[in-house]
Amino acid sequence: MRSTVLLASRSCLVDAGHGPRYDAALDPIARRELDEVVAGVWLPLEVARAHYRACDSLNLSASAITTIGRMTNDRMKGILYGTFIRVFQEAGGSPWNVLPQWQRFWDRAYDGGAMRVTKLGPKDARVDLIGCALCESHYYRQALRGLSAGFIEVLCTRAYATEVASSLDGVSYRYQWA
């Protein structure tokens, strides 16, 4: 996983007031690695797992986690995909201009896993993520739901995401937008 994602996620947890409890729950080896890492480098899966285990231990509501996921999207969008989104916004793009490209964005942040986008209607899609070990974490799935809805919302008025299925290595969301 790219350090950019974990650093943004960690920073948003602190901004939301959960820093001390998160730090107390985080594995010391992972904490040291996250404290020393710079943005834009690859981190081992175990560091990401330790981060999300600590997040899970906070027992936050799905709504609180989704909000933190949206905050993480806001923090990362300029770094990971800002130029791409600006081009689509200037061209009057819709989420359907971006959704087929999600695997490209995924590959910039994660090593492994695949996304399948299915069009359900003019403003309705299902996205299936498979082969992602982090989906074992409730926090990760809810934060990804918020982050991805924020991603879609850049190209519409409002986006909604609902988790429709999950497993230890995958998750499916339904997106709707106005």
N, C-alpha and C. Protein backbone atom coordinates (compact mmCIF):
# COMPACT_ATOMS: atom_id res chain seq x y z
N MET A 1 0.85 -1.17 0.00
CA MET A 1 0.00 0.00 0.00
C MET A 1 0.90 1.23 0.00
N ARG A 2 0.47 2.25 -0.71
CA ARG A 2 1.23 3.50 -0.73
C ARG A 2 1.14 4.19 0.62
N SER A 3 2.26 4.71 1.04
CA SER A 3 2.32 5.42 2.31
C SER A 3 1.41 6.65 2.30
N THR A 4 1.19 7.23 1.14
CA THR A 4 0.33 8.42 1.03
C THR A 4 -1.06 8.15 1.61
N VAL A 5 -1.61 6.99 1.30
CA VAL A 5 -2.94 6.63 1.78
C VAL A 5 -2.94 6.47 3.30
N LEU A 6 -1.97 5.73 3.81
CA LEU A 6 -1.93 5.50 5.26
C LEU A 6 -1.63 6.78 6.03
N LEU A 7 -0.74 7.59 5.53
CA LEU A 7 -0.43 8.85 6.21
C LEU A 7 -1.64 9.78 6.23
N ALA A 8 -2.37 9.84 5.12
CA ALA A 8 -3.58 10.67 5.08
C ALA A 8 -4.64 10.12 6.03
N SER A 9 -4.81 8.81 6.03
CA SER A 9 -5.78 8.17 6.91
C SER A 9 -5.44 8.44 8.37
N ARG A 10 -4.20 8.27 8.71
CA ARG A 10 -3.74 8.50 10.09
C ARG A 10 -3.94 9.96 10.49
N SER A 11 -3.59 10.86 9.63
CA SER A 11 -3.74 12.29 9.90
C SER A 11 -5.20 12.67 10.11
N CYS A 12 -6.10 12.08 9.31
CA CYS A 12 -7.53 12.38 9.46
C CYS A 12 -8.09 11.82 10.76
N LEU A 13 -7.57 10.67 11.19
CA LEU A 13 -7.97 10.14 12.50
C LEU A 13 -7.60 11.10 13.62
N VAL A 14 -6.40 11.65 13.54
CA VAL A 14 -5.94 12.62 14.54
C VAL A 14 -6.82 13.86 14.49
N ASP A 15 -7.09 14.37 13.27
CA ASP A 15 -7.93 15.56 13.12
C ASP A 15 -9.33 15.34 13.68
N ALA A 16 -9.82 14.10 13.61
CA ALA A 16 -11.15 13.77 14.11
C ALA A 16 -11.15 13.53 15.63
N GLY A 17 -9.98 13.67 16.26
CA GLY A 17 -9.90 13.55 17.71
C GLY A 17 -9.62 12.16 18.25
N HIS A 18 -9.19 11.25 17.38
CA HIS A 18 -8.95 9.87 17.81
C HIS A 18 -7.48 9.52 17.94
N GLY A 19 -6.60 10.51 17.83
CA GLY A 19 -5.17 10.26 17.82
C GLY A 19 -4.63 9.50 19.02
N PRO A 20 -4.91 9.93 20.25
CA PRO A 20 -4.33 9.23 21.41
C PRO A 20 -4.78 7.76 21.51
N ARG A 21 -6.05 7.49 21.28
CA ARG A 21 -6.52 6.09 21.37
C ARG A 21 -5.95 5.26 20.22
N TYR A 22 -5.86 5.86 19.04
CA TYR A 22 -5.27 5.16 17.90
C TYR A 22 -3.80 4.83 18.18
N ASP A 23 -3.04 5.82 18.64
CA ASP A 23 -1.62 5.60 18.93
C ASP A 23 -1.42 4.51 19.98
N ALA A 24 -2.29 4.48 20.99
CA ALA A 24 -2.18 3.46 22.03
C ALA A 24 -2.46 2.06 21.48
N ALA A 25 -3.31 1.97 20.48
CA ALA A 25 -3.68 0.67 19.91
C ALA A 25 -2.74 0.21 18.80
N LEU A 26 -1.98 1.12 18.22
CA LEU A 26 -1.12 0.78 17.08
C LEU A 26 0.11 0.00 17.53
N ASP A 27 0.39 -1.07 16.81
CA ASP A 27 1.58 -1.88 17.06
C ASP A 27 2.81 -0.98 17.03
N PRO A 28 3.71 -1.08 18.04
CA PRO A 28 4.88 -0.19 18.11
C PRO A 28 5.78 -0.25 16.87
N ILE A 29 5.93 -1.42 16.29
CA ILE A 29 6.79 -1.53 15.09
C ILE A 29 6.14 -0.78 13.93
N ALA A 30 4.85 -0.94 13.76
CA ALA A 30 4.15 -0.21 12.70
C ALA A 30 4.17 1.29 12.97
N ARG A 31 4.02 1.69 14.23
CA ARG A 31 4.06 3.11 14.57
C ARG A 31 5.40 3.71 14.18
N ARG A 32 6.46 3.01 14.48
CA ARG A 32 7.80 3.51 14.14
C ARG A 32 7.94 3.65 12.63
N GLU A 33 7.46 2.66 11.91
CA GLU A 33 7.56 2.73 10.44
C GLU A 33 6.72 3.89 9.89
N LEU A 34 5.52 4.08 10.41
CA LEU A 34 4.67 5.18 9.94
C LEU A 34 5.23 6.54 10.36
N ASP A 35 5.86 6.61 11.50
CA ASP A 35 6.47 7.86 11.95
C ASP A 35 7.65 8.27 11.06
N GLU A 36 8.34 7.29 10.48
CA GLU A 36 9.56 7.57 9.73
C GLU A 36 9.36 7.62 8.21
N VAL A 37 8.22 7.15 7.73
CA VAL A 37 8.03 7.05 6.28
C VAL A 37 7.66 8.41 5.68
N VAL A 38 8.00 8.56 4.42
CA VAL A 38 7.60 9.75 3.66
C VAL A 38 6.48 9.35 2.71
N ALA A 39 5.76 10.33 2.22
CA ALA A 39 4.65 10.06 1.30
C ALA A 39 5.18 9.51 -0.03
N GLY A 40 4.39 8.64 -0.64
CA GLY A 40 4.68 8.17 -1.99
C GLY A 40 5.50 6.91 -2.11
N VAL A 41 5.80 6.25 -1.00
CA VAL A 41 6.57 5.00 -1.08
C VAL A 41 5.65 3.82 -0.74
N TRP A 42 6.06 2.64 -1.15
CA TRP A 42 5.29 1.44 -0.86
C TRP A 42 5.60 0.96 0.54
N LEU A 43 4.56 0.55 1.26
CA LEU A 43 4.71 -0.02 2.59
C LEU A 43 4.24 -1.48 2.56
N PRO A 44 4.84 -2.32 3.41
CA PRO A 44 4.40 -3.71 3.46
C PRO A 44 2.95 -3.83 3.92
N LEU A 45 2.29 -4.88 3.49
CA LEU A 45 0.91 -5.14 3.86
C LEU A 45 0.74 -5.18 5.38
N GLU A 46 1.71 -5.72 6.09
CA GLU A 46 1.57 -5.83 7.55
C GLU A 46 1.49 -4.47 8.23
N VAL A 47 2.12 -3.46 7.69
CA VAL A 47 2.00 -2.12 8.27
C VAL A 47 0.58 -1.61 8.08
N ALA A 48 0.03 -1.82 6.89
CA ALA A 48 -1.36 -1.41 6.63
C ALA A 48 -2.32 -2.19 7.52
N ARG A 49 -2.09 -3.48 7.66
CA ARG A 49 -2.96 -4.29 8.53
C ARG A 49 -2.89 -3.79 9.97
N ALA A 50 -1.72 -3.46 10.45
CA ALA A 50 -1.57 -2.96 11.82
C ALA A 50 -2.34 -1.65 11.98
N HIS A 51 -2.24 -0.78 10.98
CA HIS A 51 -2.97 0.48 11.02
C HIS A 51 -4.47 0.22 11.13
N TYR A 52 -5.00 -0.65 10.28
CA TYR A 52 -6.44 -0.88 10.28
C TYR A 52 -6.90 -1.70 11.49
N ARG A 53 -6.05 -2.55 12.05
CA ARG A 53 -6.40 -3.23 13.31
C ARG A 53 -6.56 -2.20 14.42
N ALA A 54 -5.64 -1.24 14.47
CA ALA A 54 -5.74 -0.17 15.47
C ALA A 54 -7.01 0.64 15.25
N CYS A 55 -7.33 0.93 13.99
CA CYS A 55 -8.57 1.66 13.68
C CYS A 55 -9.79 0.86 14.10
N ASP A 56 -9.80 -0.44 13.83
CA ASP A 56 -10.93 -1.29 14.23
C ASP A 56 -11.13 -1.27 15.74
N SER A 57 -10.03 -1.22 16.48
CA SER A 57 -10.13 -1.26 17.94
C SER A 57 -10.80 -0.01 18.52
N LEU A 58 -10.91 1.05 17.73
CA LEU A 58 -11.57 2.27 18.20
C LEU A 58 -13.09 2.11 18.29
N ASN A 59 -13.63 1.10 17.59
CA ASN A 59 -15.07 0.83 17.60
C ASN A 59 -15.90 2.05 17.24
N LEU A 60 -15.48 2.75 16.19
CA LEU A 60 -16.22 3.93 15.72
C LEU A 60 -17.45 3.48 14.94
N SER A 61 -18.46 4.34 14.90
CA SER A 61 -19.66 4.04 14.12
C SER A 61 -19.32 4.07 12.63
N ALA A 62 -20.14 3.36 11.85
CA ALA A 62 -19.94 3.37 10.40
C ALA A 62 -20.00 4.78 9.85
N SER A 63 -20.88 5.60 10.39
CA SER A 63 -21.01 6.99 9.94
C SER A 63 -19.73 7.79 10.22
N ALA A 64 -19.16 7.62 11.40
CA ALA A 64 -17.92 8.33 11.75
C ALA A 64 -16.77 7.88 10.86
N ILE A 65 -16.71 6.59 10.60
CA ILE A 65 -15.63 6.06 9.75
C ILE A 65 -15.78 6.57 8.31
N THR A 66 -17.00 6.58 7.81
CA THR A 66 -17.25 7.07 6.45
C THR A 66 -16.86 8.54 6.33
N THR A 67 -17.15 9.31 7.35
CA THR A 67 -16.76 10.73 7.35
C THR A 67 -15.24 10.86 7.30
N ILE A 68 -14.54 10.05 8.07
CA ILE A 68 -13.07 10.08 8.05
C ILE A 68 -12.56 9.64 6.67
N GLY A 69 -13.23 8.68 6.05
CA GLY A 69 -12.86 8.27 4.70
C GLY A 69 -13.01 9.41 3.70
N ARG A 70 -14.08 10.18 3.82
CA ARG A 70 -14.27 11.35 2.95
C ARG A 70 -13.17 12.39 3.20
N MET A 71 -12.82 12.58 4.48
CA MET A 71 -11.73 13.51 4.81
C MET A 71 -10.43 13.05 4.16
N THR A 72 -10.20 11.74 4.19
CA THR A 72 -8.98 11.18 3.59
C THR A 72 -8.98 11.43 2.09
N ASN A 73 -10.12 11.24 1.44
CA ASN A 73 -10.23 11.54 0.01
C ASN A 73 -9.88 13.00 -0.26
N ASP A 74 -10.44 13.91 0.54
CA ASP A 74 -10.17 15.34 0.34
C ASP A 74 -8.69 15.65 0.46
N ARG A 75 -8.02 14.96 1.39
CA ARG A 75 -6.60 15.21 1.61
C ARG A 75 -5.75 14.64 0.48
N MET A 76 -6.18 13.52 -0.11
CA MET A 76 -5.35 12.83 -1.11
C MET A 76 -5.64 13.22 -2.55
N LYS A 77 -6.81 13.78 -2.83
CA LYS A 77 -7.20 13.92 -4.23
C LYS A 77 -6.24 14.75 -5.06
N GLY A 78 -5.67 15.76 -4.50
CA GLY A 78 -4.71 16.56 -5.25
C GLY A 78 -3.43 15.81 -5.54
N ILE A 79 -3.08 14.88 -4.66
CA ILE A 79 -1.82 14.14 -4.79
C ILE A 79 -1.95 12.99 -5.77
N LEU A 80 -2.99 12.18 -5.62
CA LEU A 80 -3.10 10.95 -6.40
C LEU A 80 -3.83 11.10 -7.73
N TYR A 81 -4.82 11.98 -7.79
CA TYR A 81 -5.61 12.02 -9.02
C TYR A 81 -6.18 13.39 -9.35
N GLY A 82 -5.65 14.43 -8.77
CA GLY A 82 -6.19 15.77 -8.98
C GLY A 82 -6.21 16.22 -10.43
N THR A 83 -5.14 16.01 -11.16
CA THR A 83 -5.08 16.45 -12.55
C THR A 83 -6.11 15.72 -13.40
N PHE A 84 -6.21 14.44 -13.20
CA PHE A 84 -7.17 13.62 -13.95
C PHE A 84 -8.59 14.13 -13.73
N ILE A 85 -8.95 14.39 -12.48
CA ILE A 85 -10.30 14.85 -12.16
C ILE A 85 -10.55 16.23 -12.75
N ARG A 86 -9.57 17.13 -12.67
CA ARG A 86 -9.74 18.47 -13.23
C ARG A 86 -10.04 18.41 -14.72
N VAL A 87 -9.37 17.53 -15.44
CA VAL A 87 -9.60 17.39 -16.88
C VAL A 87 -11.04 16.97 -17.13
N PHE A 88 -11.52 16.01 -16.35
CA PHE A 88 -12.90 15.55 -16.53
C PHE A 88 -13.91 16.61 -16.12
N GLN A 89 -13.63 17.36 -15.06
CA GLN A 89 -14.54 18.43 -14.64
C GLN A 89 -14.63 19.50 -15.73
N GLU A 90 -13.50 19.89 -16.28
CA GLU A 90 -13.48 20.92 -17.31
C GLU A 90 -14.19 20.46 -18.58
N ALA A 91 -14.18 19.16 -18.83
CA ALA A 91 -14.85 18.62 -20.01
C ALA A 91 -16.33 18.31 -19.74
N GLY A 92 -16.81 18.65 -18.52
CA GLY A 92 -18.20 18.36 -18.18
C GLY A 92 -18.44 16.89 -17.92
N GLY A 93 -17.43 16.22 -17.39
CA GLY A 93 -17.50 14.78 -17.17
C GLY A 93 -18.52 14.38 -16.12
N SER A 94 -18.90 13.14 -16.16
CA SER A 94 -19.79 12.56 -15.17
C SER A 94 -19.05 11.41 -14.50
N PRO A 95 -19.59 10.85 -13.44
CA PRO A 95 -18.94 9.69 -12.83
C PRO A 95 -18.68 8.56 -13.82
N TRP A 96 -19.51 8.45 -14.86
CA TRP A 96 -19.27 7.38 -15.84
C TRP A 96 -18.01 7.60 -16.66
N ASN A 97 -17.49 8.82 -16.67
CA ASN A 97 -16.21 9.05 -17.33
C ASN A 97 -15.05 8.53 -16.48
N VAL A 98 -15.26 8.45 -15.18
CA VAL A 98 -14.19 8.09 -14.26
C VAL A 98 -14.27 6.63 -13.82
N LEU A 99 -15.47 6.13 -13.58
CA LEU A 99 -15.61 4.77 -13.04
C LEU A 99 -14.85 3.71 -13.85
N PRO A 100 -14.87 3.74 -15.18
CA PRO A 100 -14.10 2.72 -15.91
C PRO A 100 -12.59 2.82 -15.68
N GLN A 101 -12.12 3.94 -15.12
CA GLN A 101 -10.69 4.14 -14.88
C GLN A 101 -10.27 3.76 -13.45
N TRP A 102 -11.19 3.28 -12.64
CA TRP A 102 -10.88 3.05 -11.23
C TRP A 102 -9.72 2.09 -11.01
N GLN A 103 -9.56 1.11 -11.85
CA GLN A 103 -8.43 0.19 -11.66
C GLN A 103 -7.11 0.95 -11.76
N ARG A 104 -7.04 1.92 -12.66
CA ARG A 104 -5.81 2.73 -12.78
C ARG A 104 -5.51 3.48 -11.48
N PHE A 105 -6.54 4.08 -10.88
CA PHE A 105 -6.34 4.79 -9.62
C PHE A 105 -5.97 3.82 -8.51
N TRP A 106 -6.62 2.68 -8.50
CA TRP A 106 -6.32 1.65 -7.50
C TRP A 106 -4.85 1.25 -7.58
N ASP A 107 -4.36 1.02 -8.78
CA ASP A 107 -2.98 0.58 -8.97
C ASP A 107 -1.96 1.62 -8.52
N ARG A 108 -2.35 2.88 -8.45
CA ARG A 108 -1.44 3.92 -7.97
C ARG A 108 -1.28 3.88 -6.45
N ALA A 109 -2.27 3.28 -5.77
CA ALA A 109 -2.27 3.28 -4.30
C ALA A 109 -2.04 1.89 -3.70
N TYR A 110 -2.37 0.84 -4.46
CA TYR A 110 -2.30 -0.53 -3.94
C TYR A 110 -1.58 -1.44 -4.91
N ASP A 111 -0.88 -2.41 -4.37
CA ASP A 111 -0.23 -3.43 -5.18
C ASP A 111 -1.05 -4.71 -5.03
N GLY A 112 -1.87 -5.00 -6.01
CA GLY A 112 -2.75 -6.17 -5.93
C GLY A 112 -4.19 -5.77 -5.79
N GLY A 113 -5.06 -6.70 -6.08
CA GLY A 113 -6.48 -6.44 -6.04
C GLY A 113 -6.97 -5.96 -7.39
N ALA A 114 -8.25 -6.15 -7.61
CA ALA A 114 -8.84 -5.74 -8.89
C ALA A 114 -10.25 -5.22 -8.64
N MET A 115 -10.67 -4.32 -9.51
CA MET A 115 -12.01 -3.74 -9.43
C MET A 115 -12.80 -4.06 -10.68
N ARG A 116 -14.07 -4.34 -10.46
CA ARG A 116 -15.00 -4.53 -11.58
C ARG A 116 -16.13 -3.54 -11.38
N VAL A 117 -16.42 -2.75 -12.41
CA VAL A 117 -17.48 -1.76 -12.37
C VAL A 117 -18.62 -2.26 -13.26
N THR A 118 -19.83 -2.28 -12.70
CA THR A 118 -21.01 -2.70 -13.44
C THR A 118 -22.01 -1.55 -13.46
N LYS A 119 -22.44 -1.18 -14.64
CA LYS A 119 -23.44 -0.12 -14.77
C LYS A 119 -24.82 -0.71 -14.47
N LEU A 120 -25.49 -0.14 -13.48
CA LEU A 120 -26.83 -0.59 -13.09
C LEU A 120 -27.91 0.35 -13.61
N GLY A 121 -27.54 1.57 -13.94
CA GLY A 121 -28.47 2.57 -14.43
C GLY A 121 -27.70 3.82 -14.79
N PRO A 122 -28.37 4.88 -15.23
CA PRO A 122 -27.67 6.09 -15.66
C PRO A 122 -26.87 6.76 -14.55
N LYS A 123 -27.34 6.62 -13.30
CA LYS A 123 -26.64 7.22 -12.16
C LYS A 123 -26.53 6.20 -11.03
N ASP A 124 -26.17 4.98 -11.41
CA ASP A 124 -26.19 3.87 -10.47
C ASP A 124 -25.16 2.84 -10.92
N ALA A 125 -24.26 2.46 -10.01
CA ALA A 125 -23.21 1.49 -10.36
C ALA A 125 -22.93 0.57 -9.20
N ARG A 126 -22.40 -0.58 -9.52
CA ARG A 126 -21.87 -1.51 -8.51
C ARG A 126 -20.39 -1.66 -8.80
N VAL A 127 -19.60 -1.59 -7.74
CA VAL A 127 -18.16 -1.79 -7.86
C VAL A 127 -17.77 -2.93 -6.94
N ASP A 128 -17.12 -3.93 -7.50
CA ASP A 128 -16.64 -5.08 -6.75
C ASP A 128 -15.13 -5.00 -6.66
N LEU A 129 -14.62 -5.03 -5.45
CA LEU A 129 -13.18 -5.08 -5.20
C LEU A 129 -12.86 -6.49 -4.74
N ILE A 130 -11.92 -7.14 -5.42
CA ILE A 130 -11.54 -8.51 -5.06
C ILE A 130 -10.03 -8.59 -4.87
N GLY A 131 -9.61 -9.52 -4.05
CA GLY A 131 -8.19 -9.75 -3.84
C GLY A 131 -7.51 -8.69 -3.00
N CYS A 132 -8.22 -8.11 -2.04
CA CYS A 132 -7.65 -7.08 -1.17
C CYS A 132 -7.76 -7.56 0.28
N ALA A 133 -6.64 -7.97 0.85
CA ALA A 133 -6.61 -8.52 2.21
C ALA A 133 -7.08 -7.52 3.26
N LEU A 134 -7.00 -6.23 2.97
CA LEU A 134 -7.42 -5.22 3.95
C LEU A 134 -8.94 -5.22 4.16
N CYS A 135 -9.68 -5.87 3.27
CA CYS A 135 -11.13 -5.93 3.43
C CYS A 135 -11.54 -6.73 4.66
N GLU A 136 -10.61 -7.41 5.29
CA GLU A 136 -10.90 -8.09 6.55
C GLU A 136 -11.26 -7.08 7.64
N SER A 137 -10.87 -5.83 7.45
CA SER A 137 -11.11 -4.77 8.44
C SER A 137 -12.42 -4.03 8.17
N HIS A 138 -13.28 -4.01 9.17
CA HIS A 138 -14.53 -3.23 9.08
C HIS A 138 -14.21 -1.76 8.85
N TYR A 139 -13.24 -1.25 9.58
CA TYR A 139 -12.86 0.16 9.44
C TYR A 139 -12.44 0.44 7.99
N TYR A 140 -11.59 -0.40 7.44
CA TYR A 140 -11.11 -0.20 6.07
C TYR A 140 -12.28 -0.13 5.08
N ARG A 141 -13.20 -1.09 5.18
CA ARG A 141 -14.33 -1.12 4.24
C ARG A 141 -15.18 0.14 4.34
N GLN A 142 -15.44 0.59 5.57
CA GLN A 142 -16.27 1.79 5.74
C GLN A 142 -15.52 3.05 5.30
N ALA A 143 -14.23 3.12 5.62
CA ALA A 143 -13.45 4.29 5.19
C ALA A 143 -13.34 4.33 3.67
N LEU A 144 -13.14 3.17 3.05
CA LEU A 144 -13.08 3.11 1.58
C LEU A 144 -14.41 3.53 0.98
N ARG A 145 -15.50 3.18 1.64
CA ARG A 145 -16.83 3.59 1.17
C ARG A 145 -16.93 5.12 1.15
N GLY A 146 -16.47 5.77 2.22
CA GLY A 146 -16.50 7.23 2.27
C GLY A 146 -15.53 7.86 1.29
N LEU A 147 -14.33 7.30 1.22
CA LEU A 147 -13.32 7.83 0.30
C LEU A 147 -13.81 7.75 -1.14
N SER A 148 -14.35 6.60 -1.53
CA SER A 148 -14.78 6.42 -2.92
C SER A 148 -16.02 7.25 -3.25
N ALA A 149 -16.93 7.42 -2.30
CA ALA A 149 -18.08 8.29 -2.55
C ALA A 149 -17.60 9.73 -2.75
N GLY A 150 -16.61 10.16 -1.97
CA GLY A 150 -16.03 11.49 -2.16
C GLY A 150 -15.38 11.62 -3.51
N PHE A 151 -14.75 10.56 -3.97
CA PHE A 151 -14.12 10.54 -5.28
C PHE A 151 -15.17 10.76 -6.37
N ILE A 152 -16.28 10.04 -6.29
CA ILE A 152 -17.35 10.18 -7.29
C ILE A 152 -17.98 11.56 -7.21
N GLU A 153 -18.13 12.07 -6.00
CA GLU A 153 -18.83 13.34 -5.79
C GLU A 153 -18.12 14.52 -6.43
N VAL A 154 -16.87 14.37 -6.77
CA VAL A 154 -16.15 15.44 -7.45
C VAL A 154 -16.81 15.74 -8.80
N LEU A 155 -17.50 14.76 -9.37
CA LEU A 155 -18.09 14.90 -10.70
C LEU A 155 -19.62 14.95 -10.70
N CYS A 156 -20.21 15.18 -9.55
CA CYS A 156 -21.67 15.28 -9.48
C CYS A 156 -22.04 16.13 -8.27
N THR A 157 -23.32 16.29 -8.02
CA THR A 157 -23.77 17.09 -6.90
C THR A 157 -23.62 16.35 -5.58
N ARG A 158 -24.03 15.09 -5.55
CA ARG A 158 -23.97 14.29 -4.34
C ARG A 158 -23.85 12.83 -4.71
N ALA A 159 -23.02 12.07 -3.97
CA ALA A 159 -22.86 10.64 -4.22
C ALA A 159 -23.14 9.87 -2.94
N TYR A 160 -23.72 8.70 -3.11
CA TYR A 160 -24.05 7.82 -2.00
C TYR A 160 -23.43 6.45 -2.27
N ALA A 161 -22.91 5.84 -1.22
CA ALA A 161 -22.32 4.51 -1.36
C ALA A 161 -22.88 3.61 -0.27
N THR A 162 -23.21 2.40 -0.65
CA THR A 162 -23.72 1.41 0.29
C THR A 162 -22.92 0.13 0.11
N GLU A 163 -22.48 -0.46 1.21
CA GLU A 163 -21.81 -1.76 1.13
C GLU A 163 -22.89 -2.81 0.94
N VAL A 164 -22.76 -3.61 -0.12
CA VAL A 164 -23.78 -4.63 -0.39
C VAL A 164 -23.29 -6.05 -0.11
N ALA A 165 -21.98 -6.24 -0.04
CA ALA A 165 -21.42 -7.55 0.28
C ALA A 165 -19.97 -7.37 0.69
N SER A 166 -19.48 -8.30 1.51
CA SER A 166 -18.05 -8.26 1.86
C SER A 166 -17.57 -9.65 2.22
N SER A 167 -16.27 -9.83 2.10
CA SER A 167 -15.60 -11.06 2.50
C SER A 167 -14.25 -10.67 3.07
N LEU A 168 -13.45 -11.64 3.45
CA LEU A 168 -12.14 -11.32 4.02
C LEU A 168 -11.19 -10.69 3.00
N ASP A 169 -11.48 -10.85 1.71
CA ASP A 169 -10.58 -10.26 0.71
C ASP A 169 -11.32 -9.50 -0.38
N GLY A 170 -12.52 -9.02 -0.06
CA GLY A 170 -13.26 -8.26 -1.06
C GLY A 170 -14.45 -7.51 -0.47
N VAL A 171 -14.94 -6.59 -1.25
CA VAL A 171 -16.11 -5.82 -0.85
C VAL A 171 -16.81 -5.33 -2.11
N SER A 172 -18.13 -5.18 -2.01
CA SER A 172 -18.92 -4.65 -3.11
C SER A 172 -19.72 -3.48 -2.61
N TYR A 173 -19.73 -2.41 -3.39
CA TYR A 173 -20.48 -1.21 -3.06
C TYR A 173 -21.46 -0.90 -4.19
N ARG A 174 -22.57 -0.31 -3.80
CA ARG A 174 -23.48 0.26 -4.78
C ARG A 174 -23.39 1.77 -4.64
N TYR A 175 -23.18 2.44 -5.76
CA TYR A 175 -23.07 3.89 -5.79
C TYR A 175 -24.26 4.46 -6.54
N GLN A 176 -24.79 5.55 -6.01
CA GLN A 176 -25.81 6.32 -6.68
C GLN A 176 -25.45 7.78 -6.56
N TRP A 177 -25.81 8.56 -7.56
CA TRP A 177 -25.43 9.98 -7.52
C TRP A 177 -26.48 10.85 -8.19
N ALA A 178 -26.41 12.11 -7.82
CA ALA A 178 -27.33 13.11 -8.40
C ALA A 178 -26.52 14.23 -9.00
